[in-house]
Amino acid sequence: MKINEVKYNCIHYKGDVPCVPNKQRGKVCSNCDEFSVFDKKILLIKLGAMGDVIRTTPLLKKLRTTYPNSHITWLTLYPEILPDSEIESVKKFDHTNVFCILNDHFDIAINLDKDKEACVLLNKVSAIEKFGFSWSEDGHITGLSEAAQNKILTGLFDELSKSNKKSYQEEIFEICGFKFNGEPNILQVDKAYASKWSSAFGKGNKRSIIGLNTGCGKRWPTRMWPEENWISLIYELQNSGFTPVLLGGEDEHEANSKYSKITEASYPGYFSLKEFIAIVNECDIIVTAVSMAMHIASGLGKPLILFNNIFNKYEFELYGKGTIIEPQSGCDCYYGEVCKRAHHCMKDISVKSVFENIKIMASKND
């Protein structure tokens, strides 16, 4: 094998380590029957937030369908969340990887973040075609298409944001020049964790496991459902033969421990992201506010009861497997961090309505 026989344009080429055909099957470039030329190099910049990274993964299927022999590089702050089996190169957003990208060339470069660092990077990247958000010469974000410009406007003006009727997936597909046709999220489940939690939850029994994600993050506490409602819902579920399981991260640990002590509902604790994904995967139905758990449940194709008050409900693509429940009294705090009312609107989402929707959803899954 000589250096001039190396197939640098092969989809399997890794750059500095053996490719899969070589590592697993002993193939070499000079006589490899798995040699496959890529005809498009695509750069996708989607740094964060983590939930938005998950709901950008449907774009992978569309890119693969449109460009079957493409080589995709995805630059992100959260490489651990991405399905590396679906992407040739997953890169952490850091100085080294940015330097390498700036010294590469792509056929297509896409940026779906409106943060300055992502926009400036797209502006500097060498690519034949560019889509999404870039940086103008006079120092501000710019949209490279009408769809991208509209997305900038809805981010700047609440009135336009409230009138939007498109899901996040529809918007990003249009920004890339595509039409969204229900392409699914792609989320990997760690096999070892999956086996562990399948055994722990005793899957195979006839009791539906209802995952209750009790938190909503620190940024928008206005999304929080009252403590007494969670406790009442747990009792309703237990009395009706369901198995409620409390979910959350470190921020929810104190509350979940309290709920578990009062009701004796199962609370497995908080875990790494990969293990949390495996736990959510073992649940039959997830109940949650807009949160990371929502994005994970949607990424896994789980039936979902979603609490929403401060966001535009049309933003969320639930693929026909979810029900959005909002306060009947409405909400005055669009994207608000502090409730404007003396009586918090989330109190108006009743335990009864949530429980009835769980029963309906469970009956469909039987």
Protein backbone atom coordinates (compact mmCIF):
# COMPACT_ATOMS: atom_id res chain seq x y z
CA MET A 1 0.00 0.00 0.00
CA LYS A 2 1.48 3.35 -1.10
CA ILE A 3 0.57 6.89 -0.12
CA ASN A 4 -0.64 7.70 -3.65
CA GLU A 5 -3.17 4.88 -3.36
CA VAL A 6 -4.99 6.43 -0.38
CA LYS A 7 -8.57 7.37 -1.34
CA TYR A 8 -8.93 10.74 0.36
CA ASN A 9 -12.32 11.27 -1.25
CA CYS A 10 -13.84 8.12 0.27
CA ILE A 11 -16.80 8.50 2.61
CA HIS A 12 -15.02 6.22 5.10
CA TYR A 13 -11.76 8.22 5.23
CA LYS A 14 -11.04 9.45 8.78
CA GLY A 15 -7.88 11.47 8.26
CA ASP A 16 -5.56 10.15 10.97
CA VAL A 17 -7.01 6.82 12.12
CA PRO A 18 -8.08 3.58 10.37
CA CYS A 19 -11.45 3.69 8.66
CA VAL A 20 -14.18 1.21 9.62
CA PRO A 21 -13.62 -1.12 6.61
CA ASN A 22 -9.94 -1.36 7.54
CA LYS A 23 -10.41 -1.64 11.29
CA GLN A 24 -13.20 -4.18 11.19
CA ARG A 25 -12.61 -6.06 7.94
CA GLY A 26 -8.97 -5.50 7.02
CA LYS A 27 -9.69 -3.62 3.79
CA VAL A 28 -7.10 -1.27 2.24
CA CYS A 29 -7.62 1.46 -0.34
CA SER A 30 -5.77 -0.30 -3.18
CA ASN A 31 -8.35 -3.10 -3.43
CA CYS A 32 -11.29 -2.05 -1.23
CA ASP A 33 -14.74 -2.98 -2.53
CA GLU A 34 -16.34 -0.59 -0.03
CA PHE A 35 -14.79 2.50 -1.57
CA SER A 36 -17.49 5.17 -1.90
CA VAL A 37 -16.85 8.66 -3.23
CA PHE A 38 -18.59 11.60 -1.56
CA ASP A 39 -19.65 14.31 -3.97
CA LYS A 40 -20.80 16.92 -1.42
CA LYS A 41 -19.01 18.21 1.66
CA ILE A 42 -21.58 19.74 3.99
CA LEU A 43 -20.93 21.78 7.12
CA LEU A 44 -23.77 22.15 9.61
CA ILE A 45 -23.32 24.67 12.43
CA LYS A 46 -25.83 24.18 15.23
CA LEU A 47 -24.11 24.89 18.51
CA GLY A 48 -26.93 24.97 21.06
CA ALA A 49 -29.12 24.87 22.98
CA MET A 50 -29.08 21.14 23.60
CA GLY A 51 -32.79 20.70 22.94
CA ASP A 52 -32.51 22.66 19.71
CA VAL A 53 -29.64 20.43 18.62
CA ILE A 54 -31.94 17.41 19.03
CA ARG A 55 -34.74 18.98 17.02
CA THR A 56 -32.31 19.90 14.26
CA THR A 57 -31.47 16.21 13.65
CA PRO A 58 -34.43 15.70 11.24
CA LEU A 59 -32.39 17.78 8.81
CA LEU A 60 -29.91 14.89 8.55
CA LYS A 61 -32.48 12.66 6.84
CA LYS A 62 -33.35 15.39 4.34
CA LEU A 63 -29.70 16.08 3.57
CA ARG A 64 -29.05 12.36 3.06
CA THR A 65 -32.05 12.05 0.75
CA THR A 66 -31.07 15.11 -1.27
CA TYR A 67 -27.33 14.38 -1.31
CA PRO A 68 -26.95 10.58 -0.91
CA ASN A 69 -23.16 10.62 -1.27
CA SER A 70 -22.45 13.51 1.05
CA HIS A 71 -19.91 13.93 3.84
CA ILE A 72 -21.45 15.83 6.76
CA THR A 73 -19.53 17.71 9.45
CA TRP A 74 -21.59 19.00 12.40
CA LEU A 75 -20.09 21.62 14.69
CA THR A 76 -21.80 21.83 18.10
CA LEU A 77 -21.40 22.48 21.80
CA TYR A 78 -23.05 19.13 22.50
CA PRO A 79 -21.40 16.38 20.44
CA GLU A 80 -22.54 13.74 22.94
CA ILE A 81 -26.19 14.25 21.97
CA LEU A 82 -25.67 13.64 18.24
CA PRO A 83 -26.06 10.29 16.42
CA ASP A 84 -22.47 9.77 15.28
CA SER A 85 -23.60 6.81 13.17
CA GLU A 86 -25.47 9.30 10.97
CA ILE A 87 -22.70 11.91 10.69
CA GLU A 88 -19.21 11.48 9.26
CA SER A 89 -17.63 14.08 11.54
CA VAL A 90 -19.05 15.46 14.79
CA LYS A 91 -16.94 18.35 16.07
CA LYS A 92 -16.97 20.10 19.42
CA PHE A 93 -17.07 23.87 19.10
CA ASP A 94 -13.57 24.87 20.19
CA HIS A 95 -10.58 26.81 18.84
CA THR A 96 -8.89 23.77 17.29
CA ASN A 97 -11.93 22.60 15.34
CA VAL A 98 -12.87 26.12 14.23
CA PHE A 99 -9.30 26.64 12.98
CA CYS A 100 -9.48 23.41 10.95
CA ILE A 101 -12.90 24.26 9.51
CA LEU A 102 -11.68 27.69 8.45
CA ASN A 103 -8.88 25.99 6.54
CA ASP A 104 -11.18 23.51 4.79
CA HIS A 105 -13.59 23.92 1.88
CA PHE A 106 -17.22 22.85 1.67
CA ASP A 107 -19.82 22.59 -1.03
CA ILE A 108 -22.60 23.59 1.37
CA ALA A 109 -22.34 25.40 4.72
CA ILE A 110 -25.37 25.90 6.97
CA ASN A 111 -25.60 27.92 10.17
CA LEU A 112 -28.81 27.69 12.22
CA ASP A 113 -27.61 29.69 15.24
CA LYS A 114 -28.18 33.42 15.59
CA ASP A 115 -25.29 33.86 18.03
CA LYS A 116 -22.54 36.16 16.81
CA GLU A 117 -19.77 33.55 16.93
CA ALA A 118 -21.74 31.16 14.71
CA CYS A 119 -22.74 33.89 12.26
CA VAL A 120 -19.19 35.21 11.96
CA LEU A 121 -17.93 31.67 11.39
CA LEU A 122 -20.34 31.07 8.51
CA ASN A 123 -19.27 34.38 7.01
CA LYS A 124 -15.61 33.29 7.07
CA VAL A 125 -16.07 29.65 5.99
CA SER A 126 -15.14 28.72 2.45
CA ALA A 127 -18.22 27.20 0.77
CA ILE A 128 -19.91 27.28 -2.63
CA GLU A 129 -23.39 27.65 -1.13
CA LYS A 130 -24.35 29.05 2.26
CA PHE A 131 -27.65 28.92 4.13
CA GLY A 132 -28.95 30.33 7.39
CA PHE A 133 -27.53 33.17 9.46
CA SER A 134 -24.34 35.06 8.69
CA TRP A 135 -22.61 38.28 9.72
CA SER A 136 -22.80 41.49 7.70
CA GLU A 137 -19.92 43.79 6.86
CA ASP A 138 -21.43 46.53 9.00
CA GLY A 139 -21.52 44.33 12.07
CA HIS A 140 -24.86 42.61 12.62
CA ILE A 141 -26.63 39.33 11.99
CA THR A 142 -28.07 38.81 8.52
CA GLY A 143 -30.31 36.15 6.99
CA LEU A 144 -29.20 34.59 3.72
CA SER A 145 -32.77 33.93 2.57
CA GLU A 146 -36.24 35.31 3.18
CA ALA A 147 -36.96 32.39 5.53
CA ALA A 148 -33.83 33.18 7.57
CA GLN A 149 -34.74 36.88 7.63
CA ASN A 150 -38.23 36.01 8.91
CA LYS A 151 -36.68 33.92 11.68
CA ILE A 152 -34.57 36.90 12.73
CA LEU A 153 -37.67 39.10 12.82
CA THR A 154 -39.69 36.68 14.97
CA GLY A 155 -36.79 36.63 17.41
CA LEU A 156 -36.76 40.43 17.66
CA PHE A 157 -40.47 41.24 17.87
CA ASP A 158 -42.98 39.45 20.11
CA GLU A 159 -45.90 40.44 17.89
CA LEU A 160 -44.39 38.56 14.93
CA SER A 161 -43.36 35.62 17.11
CA LYS A 162 -46.88 35.22 18.48
CA SER A 163 -48.36 35.16 14.99
CA ASN A 164 -46.05 32.41 13.77
CA LYS A 165 -47.82 29.13 12.91
CA LYS A 166 -44.77 27.07 11.90
CA SER A 167 -42.86 24.56 13.99
CA TYR A 168 -39.15 24.92 14.60
CA GLN A 169 -38.53 22.05 12.16
CA GLU A 170 -40.59 23.69 9.43
CA GLU A 171 -38.65 26.92 9.87
CA ILE A 172 -35.16 25.42 9.71
CA PHE A 173 -36.06 23.27 6.71
CA GLU A 174 -37.27 26.37 4.85
CA ILE A 175 -34.09 28.21 5.83
CA CYS A 176 -32.14 25.42 4.11
CA GLY A 177 -34.40 25.51 1.02
CA PHE A 178 -36.36 22.36 1.90
CA LYS A 179 -39.93 21.46 2.80
CA PHE A 180 -40.48 19.65 6.10
CA ASN A 181 -42.37 16.38 5.60
CA GLY A 182 -42.38 15.00 9.13
CA GLU A 183 -38.77 13.80 9.12
CA PRO A 184 -38.14 12.42 12.63
CA ASN A 185 -35.67 13.44 15.29
CA ILE A 186 -32.71 11.09 15.62
CA LEU A 187 -31.56 10.22 19.12
CA GLN A 188 -29.34 7.31 20.12
CA VAL A 189 -29.94 5.21 23.23
CA ASP A 190 -26.86 3.76 24.92
CA LYS A 191 -27.26 -0.04 24.83
CA ALA A 192 -25.73 -0.68 28.24
CA TYR A 193 -27.92 1.90 29.96
CA ALA A 194 -30.96 0.67 28.04
CA SER A 195 -30.42 -2.85 29.34
CA LYS A 196 -29.87 -1.61 32.90
CA TRP A 197 -33.06 0.42 33.06
CA SER A 198 -35.19 -2.09 31.20
CA SER A 199 -34.37 -4.54 33.97
CA ALA A 200 -34.84 -1.96 36.70
CA PHE A 201 -38.30 -0.94 35.53
CA GLY A 202 -39.38 -4.52 34.84
CA LYS A 203 -40.54 -3.86 31.33
CA GLY A 204 -43.00 -6.49 30.23
CA ASN A 205 -45.42 -5.89 33.08
CA LYS A 206 -48.83 -4.49 32.23
CA ARG A 207 -48.53 -1.28 34.23
CA SER A 208 -47.89 1.79 32.11
CA ILE A 209 -44.86 3.75 33.28
CA ILE A 210 -45.62 7.47 33.37
CA GLY A 211 -42.50 9.62 33.49
CA LEU A 212 -43.13 12.85 35.40
CA ASN A 213 -40.50 15.45 34.63
CA THR A 214 -41.22 17.91 37.43
CA GLY A 215 -38.80 20.72 36.57
CA CYS A 216 -38.56 23.31 33.83
CA GLY A 217 -35.05 24.75 34.15
CA LYS A 218 -33.94 27.96 35.85
CA ARG A 219 -34.27 30.39 32.96
CA TRP A 220 -38.07 30.53 32.85
CA PRO A 221 -39.50 29.51 36.23
CA THR A 222 -42.88 30.80 35.00
CA ARG A 223 -43.33 27.34 33.42
CA MET A 224 -43.41 25.51 36.75
CA TRP A 225 -46.50 23.43 37.61
CA PRO A 226 -47.39 23.72 41.34
CA GLU A 227 -46.00 21.23 43.83
CA GLU A 228 -49.44 20.23 45.13
CA ASN A 229 -50.55 19.38 41.58
CA TRP A 230 -47.65 16.99 41.04
CA ILE A 231 -48.43 15.24 44.31
CA SER A 232 -52.13 14.95 43.48
CA LEU A 233 -51.36 13.62 40.00
CA ILE A 234 -49.06 10.97 41.45
CA TYR A 235 -51.82 9.74 43.76
CA GLU A 236 -54.32 9.67 40.88
CA LEU A 237 -51.94 7.62 38.77
CA GLN A 238 -51.17 5.16 41.56
CA ASN A 239 -54.85 4.67 42.39
CA SER A 240 -55.57 3.89 38.73
CA GLY A 241 -52.87 1.27 38.27
CA PHE A 242 -50.21 3.37 36.59
CA THR A 243 -46.58 3.48 37.69
CA PRO A 244 -45.41 7.10 38.07
CA VAL A 245 -41.65 7.65 37.89
CA LEU A 246 -40.19 11.01 38.88
CA LEU A 247 -37.69 12.47 36.43
CA GLY A 248 -35.33 15.42 36.45
CA GLY A 249 -31.78 16.60 36.89
CA GLU A 250 -29.83 17.92 39.82
CA ASP A 251 -32.01 21.05 40.02
CA GLU A 252 -35.09 18.86 40.58
CA HIS A 253 -33.47 16.48 43.07
CA GLU A 254 -34.80 18.13 46.21
CA ALA A 255 -38.36 18.39 44.93
CA ASN A 256 -38.39 14.87 43.48
CA SER A 257 -37.02 13.43 46.72
CA LYS A 258 -39.81 15.20 48.58
CA TYR A 259 -42.52 13.95 46.21
CA SER A 260 -41.15 10.42 46.46
CA LYS A 261 -41.11 10.52 50.25
CA ILE A 262 -44.70 11.78 50.44
CA THR A 263 -46.22 9.48 47.79
CA GLU A 264 -43.73 6.56 47.65
CA ALA A 265 -43.50 7.11 43.89
CA SER A 266 -40.32 5.80 42.26
CA TYR A 267 -37.50 8.31 41.97
CA PRO A 268 -34.33 6.77 40.50
CA GLY A 269 -32.22 9.93 41.05
CA TYR A 270 -30.43 12.16 38.56
CA PHE A 271 -27.88 10.91 36.07
CA SER A 272 -25.67 11.75 33.12
CA LEU A 273 -27.36 12.80 29.91
CA LYS A 274 -26.86 9.42 28.23
CA GLU A 275 -28.33 7.56 31.18
CA PHE A 276 -31.24 9.98 31.45
CA ILE A 277 -32.07 9.32 27.80
CA ALA A 278 -32.18 5.58 28.55
CA ILE A 279 -34.50 6.17 31.52
CA VAL A 280 -36.89 8.30 29.46
CA ASN A 281 -36.83 5.59 26.81
CA GLU A 282 -38.27 3.09 29.31
CA CYS A 283 -41.31 5.27 30.03
CA ASP A 284 -44.56 4.76 28.16
CA ILE A 285 -45.75 8.37 28.49
CA ILE A 286 -43.90 11.54 29.52
CA VAL A 287 -45.50 14.48 31.33
CA THR A 288 -43.39 17.63 31.26
CA ALA A 289 -43.20 21.35 30.76
CA VAL A 290 -41.11 22.67 27.87
CA SER A 291 -37.71 21.31 28.90
CA MET A 292 -34.82 19.10 27.91
CA ALA A 293 -36.97 16.09 28.82
CA MET A 294 -39.53 17.26 26.26
CA HIS A 295 -36.91 17.29 23.51
CA ILE A 296 -35.59 13.88 24.55
CA ALA A 297 -39.08 12.36 24.68
CA SER A 298 -39.86 13.78 21.25
CA GLY A 299 -36.51 12.54 19.95
CA LEU A 300 -37.39 9.04 21.15
CA GLY A 301 -40.89 9.19 19.68
CA LYS A 302 -42.56 8.96 23.09
CA PRO A 303 -46.19 9.93 23.72
CA LEU A 304 -46.03 13.27 25.47
CA ILE A 305 -48.21 15.48 27.63
CA LEU A 306 -46.70 18.95 27.28
CA PHE A 307 -47.46 21.88 29.58
CA ASN A 308 -47.12 25.22 27.83
CA ASN A 309 -47.89 28.76 28.86
CA ILE A 310 -45.22 31.30 27.86
CA PHE A 311 -44.28 29.97 24.41
CA ASN A 312 -45.98 29.79 21.02
CA LYS A 313 -47.48 26.29 20.91
CA TYR A 314 -47.04 26.07 17.14
CA GLU A 315 -43.28 25.97 17.65
CA PHE A 316 -43.40 22.41 18.97
CA GLU A 317 -43.48 19.47 16.56
CA LEU A 318 -44.87 16.46 18.47
CA TYR A 319 -45.30 14.19 15.42
CA GLY A 320 -48.90 13.33 16.28
CA LYS A 321 -47.86 11.69 19.55
CA GLY A 322 -48.32 14.59 21.94
CA THR A 323 -50.95 16.72 23.59
CA ILE A 324 -50.27 20.32 24.56
CA ILE A 325 -52.14 21.53 27.64
CA GLU A 326 -52.29 25.25 28.31
CA PRO A 327 -53.95 27.32 31.05
CA GLN A 328 -57.56 28.06 30.13
CA SER A 329 -57.07 31.53 31.56
CA GLY A 330 -54.28 32.21 29.08
CA CYS A 331 -50.88 33.68 29.92
CA ASP A 332 -49.68 37.29 30.09
CA CYS A 333 -45.95 36.51 30.22
CA TYR A 334 -44.82 35.65 26.70
CA TYR A 335 -41.24 34.40 27.10
CA GLY A 336 -41.42 35.93 30.57
CA GLU A 337 -39.19 35.05 33.50
CA VAL A 338 -41.50 36.58 36.12
CA CYS A 339 -45.26 36.05 36.30
CA LYS A 340 -47.26 39.28 35.95
CA ARG A 341 -50.30 37.88 37.75
CA ALA A 342 -51.02 37.46 41.42
CA HIS A 343 -52.57 34.12 40.49
CA HIS A 344 -50.03 32.10 38.48
CA CYS A 345 -51.60 30.80 35.25
CA MET A 346 -49.94 27.36 35.61
CA LYS A 347 -52.26 26.75 38.55
CA ASP A 348 -55.08 26.74 36.02
CA ILE A 349 -53.81 23.54 34.41
CA SER A 350 -55.85 21.12 36.47
CA VAL A 351 -54.77 17.71 37.71
CA LYS A 352 -58.01 16.31 36.31
CA SER A 353 -57.31 17.50 32.76
CA VAL A 354 -53.77 16.10 32.86
CA PHE A 355 -54.91 12.78 34.29
CA GLU A 356 -57.73 12.41 31.73
CA ASN A 357 -55.31 13.06 28.89
CA ILE A 358 -52.90 10.45 30.27
CA LYS A 359 -55.70 7.89 30.37
CA ILE A 360 -56.69 8.65 26.79
CA MET A 361 -53.09 8.41 25.63
CA ALA A 362 -52.52 5.16 27.54
CA SER A 363 -55.62 3.57 26.00
CA LYS A 364 -54.28 4.34 22.52
CA ASN A 365 -51.02 2.59 23.38
CA ASP A 366 -52.67 -0.62 24.65
